[in-house]
């Protein structure tokens, strides 16, 4: 249900990575992405903790499985289903757009495993950067334009938010608050329920049994409000299910979906 693993060693959405260079890309321009089709088959997108409040109005927030779980905004309940976008990848209704989506095709990355600094890179397969006649120049007189400066600032802020998110996930793990998630939906007239697994969620029983001093610490650090934003957002799972029903994208009920 909530797997966000890429098909290669690169993060979700990215097919290739190339460092942005004032020499190699001196005449290149950036243009808007007319059809963000990479979103069409994406049902779960990573979130940072700073996005929990706005994202929880539209998406269930869950956590991926594995040794290093991350928060995810569910845009669909099944692999390959995004209920918020049309065939062209554009949003069909009002919704918060996660920063992870807005960052693409850029990201900060180490050019070598031992590099201490992160470099601004981009996915050359995105079709948004090139030696176009129209678009916003990336460089002028060998120096980055305001376009690149703004992109770099956004990516740096995203990295900082990512570090905060990693610390939040560490807190959940340290206090053993995560458990395997399961959601059962029994539509009217259906012979069998739809059972969704493959994600993690906060264990409310463990939360209730938390010692007072620990709870106060998590409140002060801002962890507990984020936990409740996650828990409240889970009510939206049924809304996402309803969206899939309306769009005719519900598979046959199974007991152990992927």
Protein backbone atom coordinates (compact mmCIF):
# COMPACT_ATOMS: atom_id res chain seq x y z
CA UNK A 1 0.00 0.00 0.00
CA UNK A 2 2.53 2.59 1.07
CA UNK A 3 5.73 1.58 -0.64
CA UNK A 4 7.65 4.51 -2.07
CA UNK A 5 10.77 2.66 -3.17
CA UNK A 6 12.19 3.85 -6.51
CA UNK A 7 12.85 1.45 -9.36
CA UNK A 8 16.58 2.29 -9.22
CA UNK A 9 19.03 3.61 -6.64
CA UNK A 10 17.79 7.17 -7.10
CA UNK A 11 14.97 8.75 -5.09
CA UNK A 12 11.35 8.58 -6.21
CA UNK A 13 10.71 10.43 -9.53
CA UNK A 14 14.40 10.74 -10.46
CA UNK A 15 15.71 8.78 -13.45
CA UNK A 16 19.14 10.42 -13.67
CA UNK A 17 21.10 13.07 -11.78
CA UNK A 18 23.45 15.65 -13.29
CA UNK A 19 25.17 18.53 -11.46
CA UNK A 20 24.11 21.99 -12.62
CA UNK A 21 27.15 23.73 -14.11
CA UNK A 22 27.68 27.34 -15.22
CA UNK A 23 30.03 26.01 -17.91
CA UNK A 24 28.10 23.04 -19.27
CA UNK A 25 24.69 24.71 -18.94
CA UNK A 26 25.67 28.32 -19.56
CA UNK A 27 22.93 28.93 -22.15
CA UNK A 28 20.27 26.67 -20.63
CA UNK A 29 16.85 27.82 -19.52
CA UNK A 30 14.15 26.48 -17.23
CA UNK A 31 10.55 26.15 -18.30
CA UNK A 32 7.40 24.98 -16.59
CA UNK A 33 6.47 21.33 -16.72
CA UNK A 34 3.32 21.15 -18.85
CA UNK A 35 2.47 17.57 -17.97
CA UNK A 36 3.93 16.19 -14.73
CA UNK A 37 3.07 12.65 -15.78
CA UNK A 38 5.47 11.21 -13.19
CA UNK A 39 2.67 11.77 -10.67
CA UNK A 40 0.08 9.66 -12.48
CA UNK A 41 1.24 6.33 -11.08
CA UNK A 42 2.47 7.65 -7.72
CA UNK A 43 0.23 6.78 -4.78
CA UNK A 44 2.55 7.84 -1.92
CA UNK A 45 4.85 10.87 -1.68
CA UNK A 46 7.38 11.63 1.09
CA UNK A 47 6.55 14.43 3.53
CA UNK A 48 8.58 16.49 5.95
CA UNK A 49 7.30 17.19 9.45
CA UNK A 50 6.82 20.86 8.62
CA UNK A 51 4.14 19.78 6.14
CA UNK A 52 2.04 17.64 8.48
CA UNK A 53 -0.44 20.42 9.28
CA UNK A 54 -1.35 21.44 5.70
CA UNK A 55 -1.00 17.92 4.27
CA UNK A 56 -3.25 16.36 6.92
CA UNK A 57 -6.21 18.31 5.51
CA UNK A 58 -6.07 16.31 2.28
CA UNK A 59 -4.06 13.11 2.72
CA UNK A 60 -3.71 10.28 5.23
CA UNK A 61 -0.18 10.51 6.64
CA UNK A 62 1.45 7.12 7.25
CA UNK A 63 5.00 5.81 7.57
CA UNK A 64 6.83 3.51 5.20
CA UNK A 65 8.00 0.08 6.26
CA UNK A 66 11.67 -0.89 6.57
CA UNK A 67 14.63 0.05 8.72
CA UNK A 68 14.48 3.75 7.84
CA UNK A 69 10.80 4.69 7.62
CA UNK A 70 9.71 8.08 6.29
CA UNK A 71 6.39 9.94 6.48
CA UNK A 72 4.23 9.54 3.39
CA UNK A 73 1.20 11.38 2.04
CA UNK A 74 -1.19 8.83 0.55
CA UNK A 75 -2.69 10.00 -2.72
CA UNK A 76 -4.14 6.57 -3.43
CA UNK A 77 -4.52 3.29 -1.58
CA UNK A 78 -3.09 1.02 -4.27
CA UNK A 79 0.15 0.93 -6.22
CA UNK A 80 -0.14 2.95 -9.40
CA UNK A 81 -3.23 4.91 -8.33
CA UNK A 82 -3.14 8.65 -7.67
CA UNK A 83 -6.68 9.92 -7.08
CA UNK A 84 -5.65 13.60 -7.10
CA UNK A 85 -4.27 13.94 -10.63
CA UNK A 86 -5.56 13.41 -14.13
CA UNK A 87 -3.90 11.57 -17.02
CA UNK A 88 -1.58 14.54 -17.59
CA UNK A 89 -0.40 14.55 -13.98
CA UNK A 90 -2.10 17.83 -13.11
CA UNK A 91 -4.10 18.10 -9.91
CA UNK A 92 -7.82 17.86 -10.61
CA UNK A 93 -8.94 19.33 -7.28
CA UNK A 94 -7.63 21.64 -4.61
CA UNK A 95 -4.96 19.96 -2.51
CA UNK A 96 -1.70 20.67 -0.79
CA UNK A 97 1.26 19.89 -3.06
CA UNK A 98 4.10 18.31 -1.05
CA UNK A 99 7.50 19.99 -1.21
CA UNK A 100 8.99 16.75 -2.52
CA UNK A 101 6.93 17.20 -5.69
CA UNK A 102 7.68 20.92 -5.96
CA UNK A 103 11.40 20.25 -5.64
CA UNK A 104 11.57 18.02 -8.74
CA UNK A 105 13.61 17.95 -10.99
CA UNK A 106 16.19 19.47 -8.62
CA UNK A 107 17.84 18.11 -5.51
CA UNK A 108 21.02 18.51 -3.49
CA UNK A 109 23.38 15.56 -3.70
CA UNK A 110 26.98 14.58 -3.05
CA UNK A 111 28.91 14.25 -6.30
CA UNK A 112 31.17 11.61 -4.72
CA UNK A 113 30.61 9.36 -1.68
CA UNK A 114 33.30 11.23 0.25
CA UNK A 115 32.20 14.75 -0.70
CA UNK A 116 31.47 16.96 2.30
CA UNK A 117 29.32 19.48 0.43
CA UNK A 118 26.05 18.98 -1.40
CA UNK A 119 25.78 20.18 -4.99
CA UNK A 120 22.68 21.33 -6.84
CA UNK A 121 21.73 18.61 -9.30
CA UNK A 122 18.80 17.96 -11.62
CA UNK A 123 17.16 15.17 -13.55
CA UNK A 124 18.01 15.76 -17.24
CA UNK A 125 15.12 13.51 -18.32
CA UNK A 126 12.49 15.86 -16.87
CA UNK A 127 12.31 17.98 -20.01
CA UNK A 128 12.18 21.22 -18.01
CA UNK A 129 15.82 22.27 -18.47
CA UNK A 130 17.62 22.68 -21.77
CA UNK A 131 18.99 25.00 -24.41
CA UNK A 132 15.51 26.30 -25.17
CA UNK A 133 14.50 29.47 -27.03
CA UNK A 134 11.95 30.25 -24.33
CA UNK A 135 12.22 30.00 -20.58
CA UNK A 136 14.08 31.54 -17.65
CA UNK A 137 17.88 31.70 -18.02
CA UNK A 138 19.82 29.74 -15.41
CA UNK A 139 23.04 31.71 -15.82
CA UNK A 140 24.04 35.20 -16.90
CA UNK A 141 27.65 36.21 -17.46
CA UNK A 142 28.73 32.92 -15.93
CA UNK A 143 26.83 33.50 -12.69
CA UNK A 144 23.60 31.91 -11.40
CA UNK A 145 20.46 33.95 -11.99
CA UNK A 146 17.81 34.59 -9.35
CA UNK A 147 16.02 31.52 -10.67
CA UNK A 148 18.88 29.27 -9.61
CA UNK A 149 19.33 31.16 -6.34
CA UNK A 150 15.67 30.58 -5.47
CA UNK A 151 15.88 26.90 -6.42
CA UNK A 152 19.02 26.44 -4.32
CA UNK A 153 17.37 28.13 -1.35
CA UNK A 154 14.32 25.90 -1.63
CA UNK A 155 16.45 22.75 -1.83
CA UNK A 156 18.52 23.84 1.17
CA UNK A 157 15.35 24.43 3.18
CA UNK A 158 14.09 21.00 2.09
CA UNK A 159 17.30 19.39 3.35
CA UNK A 160 16.94 21.13 6.71
CA UNK A 161 13.34 19.94 6.96
CA UNK A 162 14.56 16.45 6.09
CA UNK A 163 16.94 16.50 9.04
CA UNK A 164 14.11 17.55 11.36
CA UNK A 165 12.00 14.73 9.93
CA UNK A 166 14.77 12.20 10.56
CA UNK A 167 14.94 13.34 14.19
CA UNK A 168 11.17 12.97 14.51
CA UNK A 169 11.33 9.43 13.15
CA UNK A 170 14.15 8.65 15.58
CA UNK A 171 11.96 9.81 18.46
CA UNK A 172 9.15 7.51 17.33
CA UNK A 173 11.56 4.60 17.12
CA UNK A 174 13.26 5.35 20.45
CA UNK A 175 9.91 5.37 22.24
CA UNK A 176 8.65 2.33 20.31
CA UNK A 177 5.59 4.16 19.08
CA UNK A 178 5.40 2.65 15.59
CA UNK A 179 3.50 -0.50 14.69
CA UNK A 180 2.40 -2.26 11.51
CA UNK A 181 -0.69 -0.55 10.18
CA UNK A 182 -3.92 -2.04 8.91
CA UNK A 183 -7.10 -0.44 7.63
CA UNK A 184 -10.26 -2.42 6.91
CA UNK A 185 -13.03 -0.92 4.80
CA UNK A 186 -16.34 -2.73 4.29
CA UNK A 187 -18.27 -1.01 1.49
CA UNK A 188 -22.02 -1.38 1.52
CA UNK A 189 -23.07 -4.38 -0.53
CA UNK A 190 -19.54 -5.85 -0.80
CA UNK A 191 -19.10 -9.52 0.11
CA UNK A 192 -15.59 -9.03 1.46
CA UNK A 193 -13.81 -6.08 3.08
CA UNK A 194 -10.87 -4.26 1.60
CA UNK A 195 -7.88 -4.70 3.89
CA UNK A 196 -4.90 -2.42 3.41
CA UNK A 197 -1.49 -3.13 4.92
CA UNK A 198 2.13 -2.42 4.01
CA UNK A 199 2.61 0.71 6.11
CA UNK A 200 3.30 1.79 9.67
CA UNK A 201 1.34 4.00 12.03
CA UNK A 202 1.60 5.24 15.60
CA UNK A 203 0.41 2.76 18.23
CA UNK A 204 -2.23 4.63 20.22
CA UNK A 205 -2.05 2.13 23.09
CA UNK A 206 1.68 2.78 23.46
CA UNK A 207 0.95 6.49 23.33
CA UNK A 208 -1.59 6.21 26.16
CA UNK A 209 0.83 4.22 28.32
CA UNK A 210 3.62 6.75 27.93
CA UNK A 211 5.00 8.15 31.19
CA UNK A 212 4.11 11.71 32.03
CA UNK A 213 7.67 13.01 31.96
CA UNK A 214 8.21 11.42 28.54
CA UNK A 215 4.98 12.91 27.21
CA UNK A 216 5.97 16.37 28.47
CA UNK A 217 9.32 16.03 26.73
CA UNK A 218 7.65 15.11 23.44
CA UNK A 219 5.19 17.98 23.78
CA UNK A 220 8.03 20.43 24.36
CA UNK A 221 10.02 19.09 21.41
CA UNK A 222 6.98 19.34 19.12
CA UNK A 223 6.76 15.59 18.51
CA UNK A 224 3.37 14.98 20.10
CA UNK A 225 1.44 17.52 17.99
CA UNK A 226 2.88 15.87 14.88
CA UNK A 227 1.82 12.45 16.14
CA UNK A 228 -1.76 13.65 16.58
CA UNK A 229 -1.76 15.28 13.14
CA UNK A 230 -0.82 11.86 11.76
CA UNK A 231 -3.50 10.06 13.78
CA UNK A 232 -6.25 12.53 12.84
CA UNK A 233 -5.30 12.29 9.17
CA UNK A 234 -5.96 8.53 9.11
CA UNK A 235 -9.68 9.28 8.97
CA UNK A 236 -9.05 10.41 5.38
CA UNK A 237 -8.25 6.84 4.29
CA UNK A 238 -11.95 6.29 3.71
CA UNK A 239 -12.16 9.48 1.68
CA UNK A 240 -9.32 8.28 -0.55
CA UNK A 241 -11.13 4.95 -0.86
CA UNK A 242 -14.29 6.82 -1.90
CA UNK A 243 -12.31 8.77 -4.51
CA UNK A 244 -11.02 5.52 -5.97
CA UNK A 245 -14.56 4.13 -6.03
CA UNK A 246 -15.82 7.21 -7.88
CA UNK A 247 -12.97 6.89 -10.38
CA UNK A 248 -13.59 3.16 -10.86
CA UNK A 249 -10.10 2.25 -9.69
CA UNK A 250 -10.82 -0.24 -6.93
CA UNK A 251 -9.42 -3.76 -7.38
CA UNK A 252 -11.16 -6.90 -6.19
CA UNK A 253 -11.09 -7.20 -2.38
CA UNK A 254 -8.05 -9.13 -1.17
CA UNK A 255 -6.78 -10.06 2.29
CA UNK A 256 -3.11 -9.30 1.66
CA UNK A 257 -2.74 -6.49 -0.88
CA UNK A 258 0.70 -5.36 -1.93
